Amino acid sequence: MLRTDGGIERAVRRDALGTTHRPPPRALAVAVEDGVVTLTGRLERRSDVDMAVRAASRVDGVVAVVDQLSYAGT
C-alpha cells in the first residue's frame, strides 16, 4: 500500500524532522505532491538544512526532496 501525500507529510514532520531536527515551528514548511517533498524556510545552520533534507528523503513513500531551505549565513 502506498502512502498518501498527507501521510508522507505527517511522517516527515513527526518521524524524520521531529526526532532528528528541532526547528522553531514556523521555521520549516513541508509540502508534498505526488510523493515529492518540498521543504521551505530558514534554519539556523547549513548543517540543519542538510540534516532536514536527508531526514525527509528517508521517509517511506518519498520519491524526491526539493530543497528550498536557506540558513542564517545566507
N, C-alpha and C. Protein backbone atom coordinates (compact mmCIF):
# COMPACT_ATOMS: atom_id res chain seq x y z
N MET A 1 0.84 -1.19 0.00
CA MET A 1 0.00 0.00 0.00
C MET A 1 0.88 1.25 0.00
N LEU A 2 0.59 2.16 -0.87
CA LEU A 2 1.35 3.39 -0.97
C LEU A 2 0.83 4.42 0.03
N ARG A 3 1.73 5.21 0.52
CA ARG A 3 1.35 6.30 1.43
C ARG A 3 0.76 7.45 0.64
N THR A 4 -0.24 8.09 1.21
CA THR A 4 -0.80 9.29 0.60
C THR A 4 0.15 10.46 0.84
N ASP A 5 -0.06 11.52 0.09
CA ASP A 5 0.76 12.72 0.31
C ASP A 5 0.60 13.23 1.73
N GLY A 6 -0.63 13.21 2.25
CA GLY A 6 -0.85 13.64 3.63
C GLY A 6 -0.13 12.76 4.63
N GLY A 7 -0.12 11.46 4.36
CA GLY A 7 0.61 10.54 5.23
C GLY A 7 2.10 10.77 5.19
N ILE A 8 2.61 11.06 4.01
CA ILE A 8 4.04 11.37 3.87
C ILE A 8 4.37 12.64 4.62
N GLU A 9 3.54 13.67 4.46
CA GLU A 9 3.79 14.94 5.15
C GLU A 9 3.82 14.74 6.67
N ARG A 10 2.84 14.00 7.20
CA ARG A 10 2.82 13.74 8.64
C ARG A 10 4.06 12.98 9.08
N ALA A 11 4.47 12.00 8.29
CA ALA A 11 5.65 11.21 8.65
C ALA A 11 6.91 12.05 8.61
N VAL A 12 7.03 12.94 7.62
CA VAL A 12 8.21 13.82 7.55
C VAL A 12 8.25 14.72 8.77
N ARG A 13 7.12 15.32 9.11
CA ARG A 13 7.08 16.21 10.27
C ARG A 13 7.35 15.47 11.58
N ARG A 14 6.69 14.34 11.77
CA ARG A 14 6.75 13.63 13.04
C ARG A 14 8.01 12.77 13.17
N ASP A 15 8.17 11.86 12.24
CA ASP A 15 9.21 10.85 12.38
C ASP A 15 10.60 11.36 12.01
N ALA A 16 10.69 12.06 10.91
CA ALA A 16 12.01 12.50 10.44
C ALA A 16 12.44 13.80 11.09
N LEU A 17 11.70 14.86 10.86
CA LEU A 17 12.11 16.16 11.37
C LEU A 17 11.88 16.29 12.86
N GLY A 18 10.85 15.65 13.37
CA GLY A 18 10.54 15.76 14.79
C GLY A 18 11.57 15.13 15.70
N THR A 19 12.24 14.10 15.22
CA THR A 19 13.21 13.41 16.08
C THR A 19 14.65 13.78 15.78
N THR A 20 14.93 14.17 14.54
CA THR A 20 16.32 14.44 14.19
C THR A 20 16.62 15.92 14.08
N HIS A 21 15.58 16.73 14.05
CA HIS A 21 15.79 18.16 13.81
C HIS A 21 14.68 18.92 14.52
N ARG A 22 15.02 19.90 15.28
CA ARG A 22 14.01 20.64 16.03
C ARG A 22 14.04 22.13 15.68
N PRO A 23 13.55 22.49 14.49
CA PRO A 23 13.49 23.92 14.17
C PRO A 23 12.33 24.57 14.90
N PRO A 24 12.35 25.88 15.04
CA PRO A 24 11.17 26.55 15.56
C PRO A 24 9.96 26.18 14.69
N PRO A 25 8.76 26.10 15.25
CA PRO A 25 7.59 25.61 14.50
C PRO A 25 7.35 26.29 13.16
N ARG A 26 7.65 27.58 13.06
CA ARG A 26 7.38 28.28 11.79
C ARG A 26 8.61 28.35 10.89
N ALA A 27 9.71 27.80 11.32
CA ALA A 27 10.95 27.92 10.54
C ALA A 27 10.98 27.00 9.33
N LEU A 28 10.15 25.95 9.33
CA LEU A 28 10.23 24.94 8.29
C LEU A 28 8.83 24.58 7.82
N ALA A 29 8.60 24.71 6.51
CA ALA A 29 7.32 24.31 5.91
C ALA A 29 7.55 23.05 5.08
N VAL A 30 6.57 22.14 5.15
CA VAL A 30 6.64 20.88 4.41
C VAL A 30 5.42 20.79 3.52
N ALA A 31 5.64 20.56 2.23
CA ALA A 31 4.54 20.34 1.29
C ALA A 31 4.87 19.06 0.52
N VAL A 32 3.84 18.30 0.17
CA VAL A 32 4.05 17.05 -0.55
C VAL A 32 3.06 16.97 -1.71
N GLU A 33 3.56 16.64 -2.89
CA GLU A 33 2.72 16.42 -4.06
C GLU A 33 3.27 15.24 -4.84
N ASP A 34 2.45 14.22 -5.00
CA ASP A 34 2.84 13.00 -5.71
C ASP A 34 4.13 12.40 -5.16
N GLY A 35 4.29 12.45 -3.85
CA GLY A 35 5.46 11.86 -3.20
C GLY A 35 6.69 12.74 -3.19
N VAL A 36 6.60 13.91 -3.82
CA VAL A 36 7.74 14.85 -3.85
C VAL A 36 7.57 15.83 -2.68
N VAL A 37 8.53 15.83 -1.78
CA VAL A 37 8.51 16.68 -0.60
C VAL A 37 9.25 17.97 -0.91
N THR A 38 8.61 19.10 -0.63
CA THR A 38 9.26 20.41 -0.77
C THR A 38 9.43 21.00 0.62
N LEU A 39 10.65 21.30 0.97
CA LEU A 39 10.98 21.92 2.25
C LEU A 39 11.33 23.38 2.00
N THR A 40 10.66 24.28 2.71
CA THR A 40 10.96 25.70 2.59
C THR A 40 11.11 26.30 3.99
N GLY A 41 11.86 27.35 4.06
CA GLY A 41 12.04 28.04 5.32
C GLY A 41 13.49 28.45 5.53
N ARG A 42 13.75 28.95 6.71
CA ARG A 42 15.10 29.43 7.06
C ARG A 42 15.49 28.80 8.39
N LEU A 43 16.60 28.10 8.36
CA LEU A 43 17.11 27.44 9.55
C LEU A 43 18.37 28.14 10.04
N GLU A 44 18.85 27.72 11.17
CA GLU A 44 19.98 28.39 11.81
C GLU A 44 21.31 28.13 11.09
N ARG A 45 21.57 26.87 10.75
CA ARG A 45 22.87 26.49 10.18
C ARG A 45 22.72 25.67 8.91
N ARG A 46 23.74 25.68 8.09
CA ARG A 46 23.73 24.87 6.87
C ARG A 46 23.60 23.39 7.23
N SER A 47 24.24 22.97 8.29
CA SER A 47 24.13 21.56 8.70
C SER A 47 22.69 21.20 9.05
N ASP A 48 21.90 22.15 9.56
CA ASP A 48 20.48 21.91 9.82
C ASP A 48 19.73 21.65 8.52
N VAL A 49 20.07 22.41 7.48
CA VAL A 49 19.44 22.22 6.17
C VAL A 49 19.77 20.83 5.64
N ASP A 50 21.04 20.47 5.68
CA ASP A 50 21.45 19.15 5.19
C ASP A 50 20.75 18.03 5.95
N MET A 51 20.65 18.17 7.25
CA MET A 51 20.00 17.16 8.08
C MET A 51 18.52 17.03 7.75
N ALA A 52 17.85 18.15 7.56
CA ALA A 52 16.41 18.14 7.24
C ALA A 52 16.16 17.45 5.91
N VAL A 53 16.97 17.74 4.91
CA VAL A 53 16.80 17.13 3.59
C VAL A 53 17.05 15.63 3.66
N ARG A 54 18.12 15.22 4.34
CA ARG A 54 18.42 13.78 4.47
C ARG A 54 17.31 13.05 5.22
N ALA A 55 16.83 13.65 6.30
CA ALA A 55 15.78 13.02 7.10
C ALA A 55 14.51 12.84 6.28
N ALA A 56 14.12 13.86 5.53
CA ALA A 56 12.91 13.77 4.71
C ALA A 56 13.06 12.71 3.63
N SER A 57 14.23 12.60 3.04
CA SER A 57 14.43 11.64 1.95
C SER A 57 14.35 10.20 2.42
N ARG A 58 14.54 9.95 3.72
CA ARG A 58 14.49 8.58 4.25
C ARG A 58 13.08 8.10 4.58
N VAL A 59 12.10 8.96 4.51
CA VAL A 59 10.72 8.57 4.84
C VAL A 59 10.16 7.69 3.72
N ASP A 60 9.53 6.58 4.10
CA ASP A 60 8.91 5.70 3.12
C ASP A 60 7.88 6.46 2.30
N GLY A 61 7.92 6.27 0.99
CA GLY A 61 6.98 6.92 0.09
C GLY A 61 7.50 8.17 -0.57
N VAL A 62 8.59 8.73 -0.05
CA VAL A 62 9.17 9.94 -0.63
C VAL A 62 9.95 9.55 -1.89
N VAL A 63 9.61 10.19 -3.01
CA VAL A 63 10.31 9.91 -4.26
C VAL A 63 11.40 10.93 -4.56
N ALA A 64 11.27 12.14 -3.99
CA ALA A 64 12.28 13.18 -4.18
C ALA A 64 12.06 14.25 -3.12
N VAL A 65 13.12 15.02 -2.86
CA VAL A 65 13.02 16.15 -1.93
C VAL A 65 13.52 17.40 -2.65
N VAL A 66 12.69 18.42 -2.68
CA VAL A 66 13.06 19.71 -3.26
C VAL A 66 13.49 20.61 -2.09
N ASP A 67 14.72 21.02 -2.12
CA ASP A 67 15.30 21.82 -1.05
C ASP A 67 15.21 23.30 -1.39
N GLN A 68 14.29 23.98 -0.72
CA GLN A 68 14.16 25.44 -0.87
C GLN A 68 14.48 26.12 0.47
N LEU A 69 15.34 25.48 1.22
CA LEU A 69 15.72 25.99 2.54
C LEU A 69 16.90 26.94 2.43
N SER A 70 16.96 27.88 3.34
CA SER A 70 18.13 28.74 3.49
C SER A 70 18.56 28.66 4.95
N TYR A 71 19.69 29.27 5.25
CA TYR A 71 20.17 29.27 6.63
C TYR A 71 20.69 30.65 6.96
N ALA A 72 20.90 30.91 8.22
CA ALA A 72 21.21 32.25 8.70
C ALA A 72 22.43 32.86 8.02
N GLY A 73 23.37 32.06 7.57
CA GLY A 73 24.57 32.59 6.93
C GLY A 73 24.38 33.00 5.48
N THR A 74 23.16 32.84 4.93
CA THR A 74 22.95 33.18 3.52
C THR A 74 22.05 34.37 3.36
